[in-house]
């Protein structure tokens, strides 16, 4: 009886040890809470008093000082706050039929963003534990009319909702947005895009490194995002469809072998590096069936292997690393 009990305990311990995934750093957020909401600056700006635009813009700046000036001056290009011509510029913009259509369709799609807030809130709580040096910014939404999707400034971050209207949104095709971009212009990408934008602003990209430095940078950002959204599908984190992720996983060894054998991982040529890290219909060296950004995909695999094999390394320490060769050497990635 004792022998049987001992065997059962050994088996359970073995099963638990094998099934426990220690690849990703976790945060216990049970019992933690924050007062969190996203400010709908898109609606606020649209509904100002059109008979007194100049003073309304000044009022907005006093209420939303981090957001209003940047949006009015740099995104909407209405001149400096207090500009008397703002009245004419705003009303011309406000009354333009296509602009009205975009605004109205955005409001219809995003009349309620509670689902987005509920997905972001636990990610912020995890960030406060895993990356405590990052101050929680104010979150906004805006409309850029397919222009500046992300605005990041001191103490705030904003996404342009008109760039998340779904792959088949009527205006995307007419203004020539490529299909490989449209696949990520969808509602469910908003929470992770907020955090990716925040992470890249807190840990800026250094373009002077080699391709290995670049892909491990993107890998670190993707890994951190995965830690903040542990229940999110991995293809969403990577910006792939399920089919694209399956292709990348199936060909992972071939991709890495080619990058190593051609020594491209050590190139500092920007054009060559961009082939592996930028959006496109495919990753050029691997044919038209491949998804784009396969360099970032490989970087993500390297970082996962590094964190799996270096369990004492915190997420803070990982995000402060800049040497791709060091990460690769200690990752045991093959």
C-alpha atoms as a PDB file:
ATOM      1  CA  UNK A   1       0.000   0.000   0.000  1.00  0.00           C
ATOM      2  CA  UNK A   2       2.780   2.400   0.979  1.00  0.00           C
ATOM      3  CA  UNK A   3       4.702   1.475  -2.160  1.00  0.00           C
ATOM      4  CA  UNK A   4       1.658   2.177  -4.310  1.00  0.00           C
ATOM      5  CA  UNK A   5       1.112   5.523  -2.599  1.00  0.00           C
ATOM      6  CA  UNK A   6       4.772   6.448  -3.061  1.00  0.00           C
ATOM      7  CA  UNK A   7       4.615   5.556  -6.768  1.00  0.00           C
ATOM      8  CA  UNK A   8       1.499   7.670  -7.187  1.00  0.00           C
ATOM      9  CA  UNK A   9       3.138  10.679  -5.521  1.00  0.00           C
ATOM     10  CA  UNK A  10       6.256  10.325  -7.664  1.00  0.00           C
ATOM     11  CA  UNK A  11       4.117  10.153 -10.786  1.00  0.00           C
ATOM     12  CA  UNK A  12       2.121  13.252  -9.803  1.00  0.00           C
ATOM     13  CA  UNK A  13       5.315  15.175  -9.038  1.00  0.00           C
ATOM     14  CA  UNK A  14       6.781  14.155 -12.388  1.00  0.00           C
ATOM     15  CA  UNK A  15       3.581  15.107 -14.207  1.00  0.00           C
ATOM     16  CA  UNK A  16       3.446  18.514 -12.500  1.00  0.00           C
ATOM     17  CA  UNK A  17       7.121  19.193 -13.175  1.00  0.00           C
ATOM     18  CA  UNK A  18       6.783  18.378 -16.845  1.00  0.00           C
ATOM     19  CA  UNK A  19       3.572  20.308 -17.375  1.00  0.00           C
ATOM     20  CA  UNK A  20       4.614  23.482 -15.592  1.00  0.00           C
ATOM     21  CA  UNK A  21       5.632  26.073 -18.180  1.00  0.00           C
ATOM     22  CA  UNK A  22       8.298  28.362 -16.771  1.00  0.00           C
ATOM     23  CA  UNK A  23       8.973  30.106 -20.069  1.00  0.00           C
ATOM     24  CA  UNK A  24       7.009  33.228 -19.177  1.00  0.00           C
ATOM     25  CA  UNK A  25       7.343  35.432 -16.116  1.00  0.00           C
ATOM     26  CA  UNK A  26       4.088  35.684 -14.207  1.00  0.00           C
ATOM     27  CA  UNK A  27       2.553  38.174 -11.791  1.00  0.00           C
ATOM     28  CA  UNK A  28       0.101  37.437  -9.006  1.00  0.00           C
ATOM     29  CA  UNK A  29      -2.530  40.155  -9.366  1.00  0.00           C
ATOM     30  CA  UNK A  30      -5.176  38.566  -7.173  1.00  0.00           C
ATOM     31  CA  UNK A  31      -6.627  41.177  -4.839  1.00  0.00           C
ATOM     32  CA  UNK A  32      -5.079  44.042  -6.799  1.00  0.00           C
ATOM     33  CA  UNK A  33      -7.139  46.727  -8.485  1.00  0.00           C
ATOM     34  CA  UNK A  34      -6.803  50.110 -10.202  1.00  0.00           C
ATOM     35  CA  UNK A  35      -9.227  52.789 -11.295  1.00  0.00           C
ATOM     36  CA  UNK A  36      -8.856  52.470 -15.050  1.00  0.00           C
ATOM     37  CA  UNK A  37     -10.692  53.770 -18.076  1.00  0.00           C
ATOM     38  CA  UNK A  38      -9.905  54.909 -21.606  1.00  0.00           C
ATOM     39  CA  UNK A  39     -10.744  58.545 -22.369  1.00  0.00           C
ATOM     40  CA  UNK A  40     -12.672  58.895 -25.625  1.00  0.00           C
ATOM     41  CA  UNK A  41     -10.929  61.970 -26.966  1.00  0.00           C
ATOM     42  CA  UNK A  42     -12.310  61.193 -30.430  1.00  0.00           C
ATOM     43  CA  UNK A  43     -15.855  61.912 -29.222  1.00  0.00           C
ATOM     44  CA  UNK A  44     -14.799  64.806 -26.989  1.00  0.00           C
ATOM     45  CA  UNK A  45     -13.042  66.631 -29.825  1.00  0.00           C
ATOM     46  CA  UNK A  46     -15.875  66.042 -32.291  1.00  0.00           C
ATOM     47  CA  UNK A  47     -18.522  67.416 -29.942  1.00  0.00           C
ATOM     48  CA  UNK A  48     -16.958  70.738 -28.972  1.00  0.00           C
ATOM     49  CA  UNK A  49     -18.906  73.974 -29.474  1.00  0.00           C
ATOM     50  CA  UNK A  50     -18.439  74.680 -33.191  1.00  0.00           C
ATOM     51  CA  UNK A  51     -19.271  78.386 -32.695  1.00  0.00           C
ATOM     52  CA  UNK A  52     -16.279  78.961 -30.404  1.00  0.00           C
ATOM     53  CA  UNK A  53     -13.577  76.546 -31.571  1.00  0.00           C
ATOM     54  CA  UNK A  54     -10.608  78.662 -30.515  1.00  0.00           C
ATOM     55  CA  UNK A  55     -11.650  78.833 -26.869  1.00  0.00           C
ATOM     56  CA  UNK A  56     -12.887  75.247 -26.920  1.00  0.00           C
ATOM     57  CA  UNK A  57      -9.414  74.060 -27.928  1.00  0.00           C
ATOM     58  CA  UNK A  58      -7.881  76.047 -25.069  1.00  0.00           C
ATOM     59  CA  UNK A  59     -10.424  74.490 -22.706  1.00  0.00           C
ATOM     60  CA  UNK A  60      -9.518  71.020 -23.947  1.00  0.00           C
ATOM     61  CA  UNK A  61      -5.866  71.757 -23.306  1.00  0.00           C
ATOM     62  CA  UNK A  62      -6.604  72.697 -19.703  1.00  0.00           C
ATOM     63  CA  UNK A  63      -8.633  69.512 -19.173  1.00  0.00           C
ATOM     64  CA  UNK A  64      -6.398  67.116 -21.146  1.00  0.00           C
ATOM     65  CA  UNK A  65      -3.026  68.894 -21.151  1.00  0.00           C
ATOM     66  CA  UNK A  66      -0.947  65.914 -22.243  1.00  0.00           C
ATOM     67  CA  UNK A  67      -3.164  65.016 -25.205  1.00  0.00           C
ATOM     68  CA  UNK A  68      -4.972  68.067 -26.573  1.00  0.00           C
ATOM     69  CA  UNK A  69      -2.092  70.192 -27.809  1.00  0.00           C
ATOM     70  CA  UNK A  70      -0.292  67.346 -29.563  1.00  0.00           C
ATOM     71  CA  UNK A  71      -3.485  66.149 -31.222  1.00  0.00           C
ATOM     72  CA  UNK A  72      -4.709  69.588 -32.321  1.00  0.00           C
ATOM     73  CA  UNK A  73      -1.355  70.907 -33.513  1.00  0.00           C
ATOM     74  CA  UNK A  74       0.432  67.820 -34.844  1.00  0.00           C
ATOM     75  CA  UNK A  75      -2.301  65.408 -35.902  1.00  0.00           C
ATOM     76  CA  UNK A  76      -5.121  67.718 -36.975  1.00  0.00           C
ATOM     77  CA  UNK A  77      -2.669  70.430 -38.112  1.00  0.00           C
ATOM     78  CA  UNK A  78      -4.910  73.248 -36.901  1.00  0.00           C
ATOM     79  CA  UNK A  79      -2.052  75.514 -35.898  1.00  0.00           C
ATOM     80  CA  UNK A  80      -1.059  76.656 -32.436  1.00  0.00           C
ATOM     81  CA  UNK A  81      -3.629  76.693 -29.656  1.00  0.00           C
ATOM     82  CA  UNK A  82      -5.453  79.984 -29.812  1.00  0.00           C
ATOM     83  CA  UNK A  83      -5.024  80.221 -33.582  1.00  0.00           C
ATOM     84  CA  UNK A  84      -8.015  82.305 -34.813  1.00  0.00           C
ATOM     85  CA  UNK A  85      -8.098  80.302 -38.062  1.00  0.00           C
ATOM     86  CA  UNK A  86      -8.959  77.185 -36.078  1.00  0.00           C
ATOM     87  CA  UNK A  87     -12.640  78.120 -36.312  1.00  0.00           C
ATOM     88  CA  UNK A  88     -12.639  77.882 -40.103  1.00  0.00           C
ATOM     89  CA  UNK A  89     -10.359  74.833 -40.264  1.00  0.00           C
ATOM     90  CA  UNK A  90     -12.369  72.863 -37.722  1.00  0.00           C
ATOM     91  CA  UNK A  91     -15.741  73.625 -39.299  1.00  0.00           C
ATOM     92  CA  UNK A  92     -14.478  72.748 -42.807  1.00  0.00           C
ATOM     93  CA  UNK A  93     -13.209  69.461 -41.427  1.00  0.00           C
ATOM     94  CA  UNK A  94     -16.306  68.849 -39.292  1.00  0.00           C
ATOM     95  CA  UNK A  95     -18.720  69.395 -42.182  1.00  0.00           C
ATOM     96  CA  UNK A  96     -16.875  67.341 -44.813  1.00  0.00           C
ATOM     97  CA  UNK A  97     -19.120  64.375 -45.777  1.00  0.00           C
ATOM     98  CA  UNK A  98     -16.383  61.708 -45.801  1.00  0.00           C
ATOM     99  CA  UNK A  99     -15.114  62.878 -42.411  1.00  0.00           C
ATOM    100  CA  UNK A 100     -18.645  62.655 -40.996  1.00  0.00           C
ATOM    101  CA  UNK A 101     -18.980  59.131 -42.357  1.00  0.00           C
ATOM    102  CA  UNK A 102     -15.718  57.990 -40.781  1.00  0.00           C
ATOM    103  CA  UNK A 103     -16.609  59.522 -37.432  1.00  0.00           C
ATOM    104  CA  UNK A 104     -20.117  58.050 -37.412  1.00  0.00           C
ATOM    105  CA  UNK A 105     -18.970  54.548 -38.372  1.00  0.00           C
ATOM    106  CA  UNK A 106     -16.271  54.644 -35.697  1.00  0.00           C
ATOM    107  CA  UNK A 107     -18.846  55.648 -33.092  1.00  0.00           C
ATOM    108  CA  UNK A 108     -21.135  52.834 -34.205  1.00  0.00           C
ATOM    109  CA  UNK A 109     -18.349  50.253 -33.954  1.00  0.00           C
ATOM    110  CA  UNK A 110     -16.957  51.592 -30.687  1.00  0.00           C
ATOM    111  CA  UNK A 111     -20.042  52.852 -28.874  1.00  0.00           C
ATOM    112  CA  UNK A 112     -18.925  50.572 -26.024  1.00  0.00           C
ATOM    113  CA  UNK A 113     -15.271  49.752 -25.315  1.00  0.00           C
ATOM    114  CA  UNK A 114     -15.767  47.968 -22.015  1.00  0.00           C
ATOM    115  CA  UNK A 115     -14.334  44.738 -23.473  1.00  0.00           C
ATOM    116  CA  UNK A 116     -11.115  46.553 -24.399  1.00  0.00           C
ATOM    117  CA  UNK A 117     -10.819  48.158 -20.979  1.00  0.00           C
ATOM    118  CA  UNK A 118     -11.441  44.824 -19.261  1.00  0.00           C
ATOM    119  CA  UNK A 119      -8.642  43.213 -21.253  1.00  0.00           C
ATOM    120  CA  UNK A 120      -6.200  46.053 -20.649  1.00  0.00           C
ATOM    121  CA  UNK A 121      -6.787  46.396 -16.924  1.00  0.00           C
ATOM    122  CA  UNK A 122      -5.187  43.090 -15.823  1.00  0.00           C
ATOM    123  CA  UNK A 123      -2.324  43.699 -18.267  1.00  0.00           C
ATOM    124  CA  UNK A 124      -1.629  47.006 -16.534  1.00  0.00           C
ATOM    125  CA  UNK A 125      -1.772  45.315 -13.147  1.00  0.00           C
ATOM    126  CA  UNK A 126       0.771  42.746 -14.345  1.00  0.00           C
ATOM    127  CA  UNK A 127       2.950  45.518 -15.739  1.00  0.00           C
ATOM    128  CA  UNK A 128       2.929  47.224 -12.343  1.00  0.00           C
ATOM    129  CA  UNK A 129       4.355  44.019 -10.846  1.00  0.00           C
ATOM    130  CA  UNK A 130       6.707  42.849 -13.599  1.00  0.00           C
ATOM    131  CA  UNK A 131       7.870  46.258 -14.875  1.00  0.00           C
ATOM    132  CA  UNK A 132       7.321  48.557 -11.880  1.00  0.00           C
ATOM    133  CA  UNK A 133       9.537  51.311 -13.289  1.00  0.00           C
ATOM    134  CA  UNK A 134       6.907  52.057 -15.966  1.00  0.00           C
ATOM    135  CA  UNK A 135       4.381  54.589 -14.727  1.00  0.00           C
ATOM    136  CA  UNK A 136       0.848  53.806 -15.850  1.00  0.00           C
ATOM    137  CA  UNK A 137      -0.035  56.400 -18.492  1.00  0.00           C
ATOM    138  CA  UNK A 138      -3.430  57.872 -19.287  1.00  0.00           C
ATOM    139  CA  UNK A 139      -5.057  55.952 -22.142  1.00  0.00           C
ATOM    140  CA  UNK A 140      -6.906  57.778 -24.907  1.00  0.00           C
ATOM    141  CA  UNK A 141      -8.572  57.090 -28.240  1.00  0.00           C
ATOM    142  CA  UNK A 142      -8.559  59.511 -31.158  1.00  0.00           C
ATOM    143  CA  UNK A 143      -9.380  59.623 -34.848  1.00  0.00           C
ATOM    144  CA  UNK A 144      -6.570  60.479 -37.259  1.00  0.00           C
ATOM    145  CA  UNK A 145      -8.426  59.736 -40.491  1.00  0.00           C
ATOM    146  CA  UNK A 146      -6.060  56.875 -41.333  1.00  0.00           C
ATOM    147  CA  UNK A 147      -2.977  58.871 -40.473  1.00  0.00           C
ATOM    148  CA  UNK A 148      -1.142  58.752 -37.146  1.00  0.00           C
ATOM    149  CA  UNK A 149      -2.234  55.531 -35.489  1.00  0.00           C
ATOM    150  CA  UNK A 150      -0.251  55.855 -32.252  1.00  0.00           C
ATOM    151  CA  UNK A 151       0.420  58.987 -30.214  1.00  0.00           C
ATOM    152  CA  UNK A 152       2.770  58.554 -27.280  1.00  0.00           C
ATOM    153  CA  UNK A 153       3.689  61.491 -25.095  1.00  0.00           C
ATOM    154  CA  UNK A 154       4.631  62.272 -21.534  1.00  0.00           C
ATOM    155  CA  UNK A 155       2.148  60.418 -19.363  1.00  0.00           C
ATOM    156  CA  UNK A 156      -0.267  59.299 -22.084  1.00  0.00           C
ATOM    157  CA  UNK A 157      -0.820  56.993 -25.029  1.00  0.00           C
ATOM    158  CA  UNK A 158      -3.554  57.092 -27.668  1.00  0.00           C
ATOM    159  CA  UNK A 159      -4.666  54.850 -30.522  1.00  0.00           C
ATOM    160  CA  UNK A 160      -6.619  55.922 -33.596  1.00  0.00           C
ATOM    161  CA  UNK A 161      -9.865  53.951 -33.689  1.00  0.00           C
ATOM    162  CA  UNK A 162     -10.391  54.495 -37.411  1.00  0.00           C
ATOM    163  CA  UNK A 163      -7.390  52.208 -37.930  1.00  0.00           C
ATOM    164  CA  UNK A 164      -9.203  49.328 -36.167  1.00  0.00           C
ATOM    165  CA  UNK A 165     -12.428  49.088 -38.133  1.00  0.00           C
ATOM    166  CA  UNK A 166     -11.965  45.557 -39.463  1.00  0.00           C
ATOM    167  CA  UNK A 167     -10.317  44.146 -42.573  1.00  0.00           C
ATOM    168  CA  UNK A 168     -13.310  44.868 -44.801  1.00  0.00           C
ATOM    169  CA  UNK A 169     -13.935  48.470 -43.765  1.00  0.00           C
ATOM    170  CA  UNK A 170     -15.164  50.355 -46.818  1.00  0.00           C
ATOM    171  CA  UNK A 171     -12.476  53.071 -46.827  1.00  0.00           C
ATOM    172  CA  UNK A 172      -9.405  50.867 -46.399  1.00  0.00           C
ATOM    173  CA  UNK A 173      -9.491  49.513 -49.909  1.00  0.00           C
ATOM    174  CA  UNK A 174     -10.387  52.846 -51.491  1.00  0.00           C
ATOM    175  CA  UNK A 175      -7.397  54.630 -49.948  1.00  0.00           C
ATOM    176  CA  UNK A 176      -5.044  51.802 -50.870  1.00  0.00           C
ATOM    177  CA  UNK A 177      -4.254  50.145 -47.535  1.00  0.00           C
ATOM    178  CA  UNK A 178      -2.621  46.804 -48.303  1.00  0.00           C
ATOM    179  CA  UNK A 179      -4.367  43.610 -47.221  1.00  0.00           C
ATOM    180  CA  UNK A 180      -1.349  42.482 -45.188  1.00  0.00           C
ATOM    181  CA  UNK A 181      -1.803  45.599 -43.046  1.00  0.00           C
ATOM    182  CA  UNK A 182      -5.580  45.334 -42.840  1.00  0.00           C
ATOM    183  CA  UNK A 183      -5.439  41.926 -41.150  1.00  0.00           C
ATOM    184  CA  UNK A 184      -4.244  43.674 -37.985  1.00  0.00           C
ATOM    185  CA  UNK A 185      -6.603  46.667 -38.235  1.00  0.00           C
ATOM    186  CA  UNK A 186      -9.163  44.890 -36.104  1.00  0.00           C
ATOM    187  CA  UNK A 187     -10.744  45.421 -32.695  1.00  0.00           C
ATOM    188  CA  UNK A 188      -9.058  42.536 -30.892  1.00  0.00           C
ATOM    189  CA  UNK A 189      -5.601  43.978 -31.645  1.00  0.00           C
ATOM    190  CA  UNK A 190      -6.211  47.167 -29.664  1.00  0.00           C
ATOM    191  CA  UNK A 191      -5.224  45.960 -26.157  1.00  0.00           C
ATOM    192  CA  UNK A 192      -1.913  44.419 -27.238  1.00  0.00           C
ATOM    193  CA  UNK A 193      -1.151  47.349 -29.563  1.00  0.00           C
ATOM    194  CA  UNK A 194      -1.509  49.756 -26.643  1.00  0.00           C
ATOM    195  CA  UNK A 195       1.032  47.797 -24.625  1.00  0.00           C
ATOM    196  CA  UNK A 196       3.436  47.217 -27.516  1.00  0.00           C
ATOM    197  CA  UNK A 197       3.431  50.970 -28.169  1.00  0.00           C
ATOM    198  CA  UNK A 198       4.069  51.638 -24.483  1.00  0.00           C
ATOM    199  CA  UNK A 199       6.896  49.092 -24.305  1.00  0.00           C
ATOM    200  CA  UNK A 200       8.622  50.436 -27.413  1.00  0.00           C
ATOM    201  CA  UNK A 201       8.437  53.968 -26.033  1.00  0.00           C
ATOM    202  CA  UNK A 202       9.898  52.883 -22.677  1.00  0.00           C
ATOM    203  CA  UNK A 203      12.561  50.707 -24.294  1.00  0.00           C
ATOM    204  CA  UNK A 204      13.437  52.467 -27.570  1.00  0.00           C
ATOM    205  CA  UNK A 205      14.726  50.624 -30.607  1.00  0.00           C
ATOM    206  CA  UNK A 206      18.371  51.199 -31.548  1.00  0.00           C
ATOM    207  CA  UNK A 207      18.693  51.049 -35.359  1.00  0.00           C
ATOM    208  CA  UNK A 208      22.515  50.969 -35.320  1.00  0.00           C
ATOM    209  CA  UNK A 209      22.800  47.310 -34.275  1.00  0.00           C
ATOM    210  CA  UNK A 210      22.990  44.207 -36.438  1.00  0.00           C
ATOM    211  CA  UNK A 211      20.043  42.029 -37.426  1.00  0.00           C
ATOM    212  CA  UNK A 212      20.524  39.783 -34.389  1.00  0.00           C
ATOM    213  CA  UNK A 213      20.217  42.826 -32.132  1.00  0.00           C
ATOM    214  CA  UNK A 214      17.095  43.885 -34.024  1.00  0.00           C
ATOM    215  CA  UNK A 215      15.274  40.571 -33.900  1.00  0.00           C
ATOM    216  CA  UNK A 216      16.045  40.022 -30.214  1.00  0.00           C
ATOM    217  CA  UNK A 217      14.759  43.551 -29.533  1.00  0.00           C
ATOM    218  CA  UNK A 218      11.446  42.728 -31.207  1.00  0.00           C
ATOM    219  CA  UNK A 219      11.534  39.355 -29.495  1.00  0.00           C
ATOM    220  CA  UNK A 220      11.881  41.039 -26.089  1.00  0.00           C
ATOM    221  CA  UNK A 221       8.938  43.342 -26.782  1.00  0.00           C
ATOM    222  CA  UNK A 222       6.775  40.441 -27.964  1.00  0.00           C
ATOM    223  CA  UNK A 223       7.824  38.318 -24.993  1.00  0.00           C
ATOM    224  CA  UNK A 224       6.968  41.112 -22.533  1.00  0.00           C
ATOM    225  CA  UNK A 225       3.604  41.577 -24.234  1.00  0.00           C
ATOM    226  CA  UNK A 226       2.928  37.854 -23.884  1.00  0.00           C
ATOM    227  CA  UNK A 227       3.713  38.072 -20.161  1.00  0.00           C
ATOM    228  CA  UNK A 228       1.213  40.914 -19.785  1.00  0.00           C
ATOM    229  CA  UNK A 229      -1.457  39.048 -21.765  1.00  0.00           C
ATOM    230  CA  UNK A 230      -0.913  35.398 -20.755  1.00  0.00           C
ATOM    231  CA  UNK A 231      -4.356  34.322 -21.975  1.00  0.00           C
ATOM    232  CA  UNK A 232      -4.092  35.952 -25.397  1.00  0.00           C
ATOM    233  CA  UNK A 233      -3.583  33.788 -28.474  1.00  0.00           C
ATOM    234  CA  UNK A 234       0.037  33.835 -29.560  1.00  0.00           C
ATOM    235  CA  UNK A 235      -0.843  34.677 -33.147  1.00  0.00           C
ATOM    236  CA  UNK A 236      -2.538  37.879 -31.923  1.00  0.00           C
ATOM    237  CA  UNK A 237       0.611  38.891 -30.025  1.00  0.00           C
ATOM    238  CA  UNK A 238       2.683  38.289 -33.174  1.00  0.00           C
ATOM    239  CA  UNK A 239       0.192  39.936 -35.522  1.00  0.00           C
ATOM    240  CA  UNK A 240      -0.251  36.735 -37.539  1.00  0.00           C
ATOM    241  CA  UNK A 241      -3.259  34.751 -38.641  1.00  0.00           C
ATOM    242  CA  UNK A 242      -3.483  31.191 -37.308  1.00  0.00           C
ATOM    243  CA  UNK A 243      -2.345  29.931 -40.722  1.00  0.00           C
ATOM    244  CA  UNK A 244       0.658  32.283 -40.789  1.00  0.00           C
ATOM    245  CA  UNK A 245       1.766  31.208 -37.330  1.00  0.00           C
ATOM    246  CA  UNK A 246       1.456  27.559 -38.315  1.00  0.00           C
ATOM    247  CA  UNK A 247       3.670  28.221 -41.362  1.00  0.00           C
ATOM    248  CA  UNK A 248       6.280  30.002 -39.248  1.00  0.00           C
ATOM    249  CA  UNK A 249       6.355  27.239 -36.639  1.00  0.00           C
ATOM    250  CA  UNK A 250       6.571  24.511 -39.280  1.00  0.00           C
ATOM    251  CA  UNK A 251       9.512  26.217 -41.017  1.00  0.00           C
ATOM    252  CA  UNK A 252      11.235  27.634 -37.923  1.00  0.00           C
ATOM    253  CA  UNK A 253      14.355  25.458 -38.189  1.00  0.00           C
ATOM    254  CA  UNK A 254      14.777  26.177 -41.910  1.00  0.00           C
ATOM    255  CA  UNK A 255      14.369  29.916 -41.321  1.00  0.00           C
ATOM    256  CA  UNK A 256      16.998  29.967 -38.584  1.00  0.00           C
ATOM    257  CA  UNK A 257      19.411  27.709 -40.498  1.00  0.00           C
ATOM    258  CA  UNK A 258      19.263  30.011 -43.512  1.00  0.00           C
ATOM    259  CA  UNK A 259      19.783  33.136 -41.409  1.00  0.00           C
ATOM    260  CA  UNK A 260      22.843  31.562 -39.790  1.00  0.00           C
ATOM    261  CA  UNK A 261      24.349  29.936 -42.888  1.00  0.00           C
ATOM    262  CA  UNK A 262      24.145  33.155 -44.901  1.00  0.00           C
ATOM    263  CA  UNK A 263      25.519  35.176 -41.945  1.00  0.00           C
ATOM    264  CA  UNK A 264      22.673  37.655 -42.459  1.00  0.00           C
ATOM    265  CA  UNK A 265      22.081  37.789 -38.685  1.00  0.00           C
ATOM    266  CA  UNK A 266      25.219  39.927 -38.416  1.00  0.00           C
ATOM    267  CA  UNK A 267      24.405  42.382 -41.184  1.00  0.00           C
ATOM    268  CA  UNK A 268      24.034  46.053 -40.311  1.00  0.00           C
ATOM    269  CA  UNK A 269      22.604  46.939 -43.718  1.00  0.00           C
ATOM    270  CA  UNK A 270      19.249  48.584 -43.060  1.00  0.00           C
ATOM    271  CA  UNK A 271      17.665  47.371 -46.300  1.00  0.00           C
ATOM    272  CA  UNK A 272      18.670  43.779 -45.571  1.00  0.00           C
ATOM    273  CA  UNK A 273      17.524  44.015 -41.965  1.00  0.00           C
ATOM    274  CA  UNK A 274      14.145  45.431 -42.926  1.00  0.00           C
ATOM    275  CA  UNK A 275      13.437  42.380 -45.086  1.00  0.00           C
ATOM    276  CA  UNK A 276      13.196  40.332 -41.895  1.00  0.00           C
ATOM    277  CA  UNK A 277      11.479  42.766 -39.558  1.00  0.00           C
ATOM    278  CA  UNK A 278       9.106  45.029 -41.494  1.00  0.00           C
ATOM    279  CA  UNK A 279       5.508  44.474 -42.523  1.00  0.00           C
ATOM    280  CA  UNK A 280       4.959  43.217 -46.038  1.00  0.00           C
ATOM    281  CA  UNK A 281       3.099  40.572 -48.017  1.00  0.00           C
ATOM    282  CA  UNK A 282       5.818  38.041 -47.067  1.00  0.00           C
ATOM    283  CA  UNK A 283       9.404  37.797 -45.801  1.00  0.00           C
ATOM    284  CA  UNK A 284      11.413  38.174 -48.997  1.00  0.00           C
ATOM    285  CA  UNK A 285      14.121  35.523 -48.479  1.00  0.00           C
ATOM    286  CA  UNK A 286      11.534  32.812 -47.763  1.00  0.00           C
ATOM    287  CA  UNK A 287       9.066  33.070 -50.615  1.00  0.00           C
ATOM    288  CA  UNK A 288       5.533  34.314 -51.106  1.00  0.00           C
ATOM    289  CA  UNK A 289       3.908  31.686 -48.888  1.00  0.00           C
ATOM    290  CA  UNK A 290       5.742  32.995 -45.835  1.00  0.00           C
ATOM    291  CA  UNK A 291       4.337  35.662 -43.497  1.00  0.00           C
ATOM    292  CA  UNK A 292       6.209  38.917 -43.007  1.00  0.00           C
ATOM    293  CA  UNK A 293       8.429  39.778 -40.016  1.00  0.00           C
ATOM    294  CA  UNK A 294       9.905  36.303 -39.682  1.00  0.00           C
ATOM    295  CA  UNK A 295      12.967  37.872 -38.096  1.00  0.00           C
ATOM    296  CA  UNK A 296      10.796  39.106 -35.224  1.00  0.00           C
ATOM    297  CA  UNK A 297       9.238  35.645 -34.977  1.00  0.00           C
ATOM    298  CA  UNK A 298      12.691  34.055 -34.649  1.00  0.00           C
ATOM    299  CA  UNK A 299      13.725  36.729 -32.158  1.00  0.00           C
ATOM    300  CA  UNK A 300      10.685  35.841 -30.064  1.00  0.00           C
ATOM    301  CA  UNK A 301      11.679  32.164 -30.082  1.00  0.00           C
ATOM    302  CA  UNK A 302      15.236  33.049 -29.046  1.00  0.00           C
ATOM    303  CA  UNK A 303      14.010  35.192 -26.157  1.00  0.00           C
ATOM    304  CA  UNK A 304      11.575  32.513 -25.003  1.00  0.00           C
ATOM    305  CA  UNK A 305      14.430  30.003 -24.961  1.00  0.00           C
ATOM    306  CA  UNK A 306      16.654  32.476 -23.114  1.00  0.00           C
ATOM    307  CA  UNK A 307      14.080  33.066 -20.383  1.00  0.00           C
ATOM    308  CA  UNK A 308      13.306  29.358 -20.119  1.00  0.00           C
ATOM    309  CA  UNK A 309      16.989  28.577 -19.549  1.00  0.00           C
ATOM    310  CA  UNK A 310      17.760  31.577 -17.327  1.00  0.00           C
ATOM    311  CA  UNK A 311      14.976  31.498 -14.790  1.00  0.00           C
ATOM    312  CA  UNK A 312      16.662  33.960 -12.439  1.00  0.00           C
ATOM    313  CA  UNK A 313      16.401  36.747 -15.049  1.00  0.00           C
ATOM    314  CA  UNK A 314      13.518  39.121 -14.390  1.00  0.00           C
ATOM    315  CA  UNK A 315      11.457  40.853 -17.035  1.00  0.00           C
ATOM    316  CA  UNK A 316      13.047  44.159 -16.023  1.00  0.00           C
ATOM    317  CA  UNK A 317      16.520  42.729 -16.599  1.00  0.00           C
ATOM    318  CA  UNK A 318      15.502  41.248 -19.936  1.00  0.00           C
ATOM    319  CA  UNK A 319      14.090  44.531 -21.224  1.00  0.00           C
ATOM    320  CA  UNK A 320      17.302  46.327 -20.260  1.00  0.00           C
ATOM    321  CA  UNK A 321      19.444  43.970 -22.323  1.00  0.00           C
ATOM    322  CA  UNK A 322      20.657  45.242 -25.676  1.00  0.00           C
ATOM    323  CA  UNK A 323      23.251  42.676 -26.787  1.00  0.00           C
ATOM    324  CA  UNK A 324      21.618  40.181 -29.121  1.00  0.00           C
ATOM    325  CA  UNK A 325      24.655  37.922 -29.160  1.00  0.00           C
ATOM    326  CA  UNK A 326      24.597  37.597 -25.378  1.00  0.00           C
ATOM    327  CA  UNK A 327      20.918  36.643 -25.429  1.00  0.00           C
ATOM    328  CA  UNK A 328      21.505  34.099 -28.212  1.00  0.00           C
ATOM    329  CA  UNK A 329      24.552  32.540 -26.545  1.00  0.00           C
ATOM    330  CA  UNK A 330      22.758  32.022 -23.248  1.00  0.00           C
ATOM    331  CA  UNK A 331      19.459  30.972 -24.821  1.00  0.00           C
ATOM    332  CA  UNK A 332      20.655  27.541 -26.029  1.00  0.00           C
ATOM    333  CA  UNK A 333      18.459  28.199 -29.057  1.00  0.00           C
ATOM    334  CA  UNK A 334      19.169  25.978 -32.022  1.00  0.00           C
END
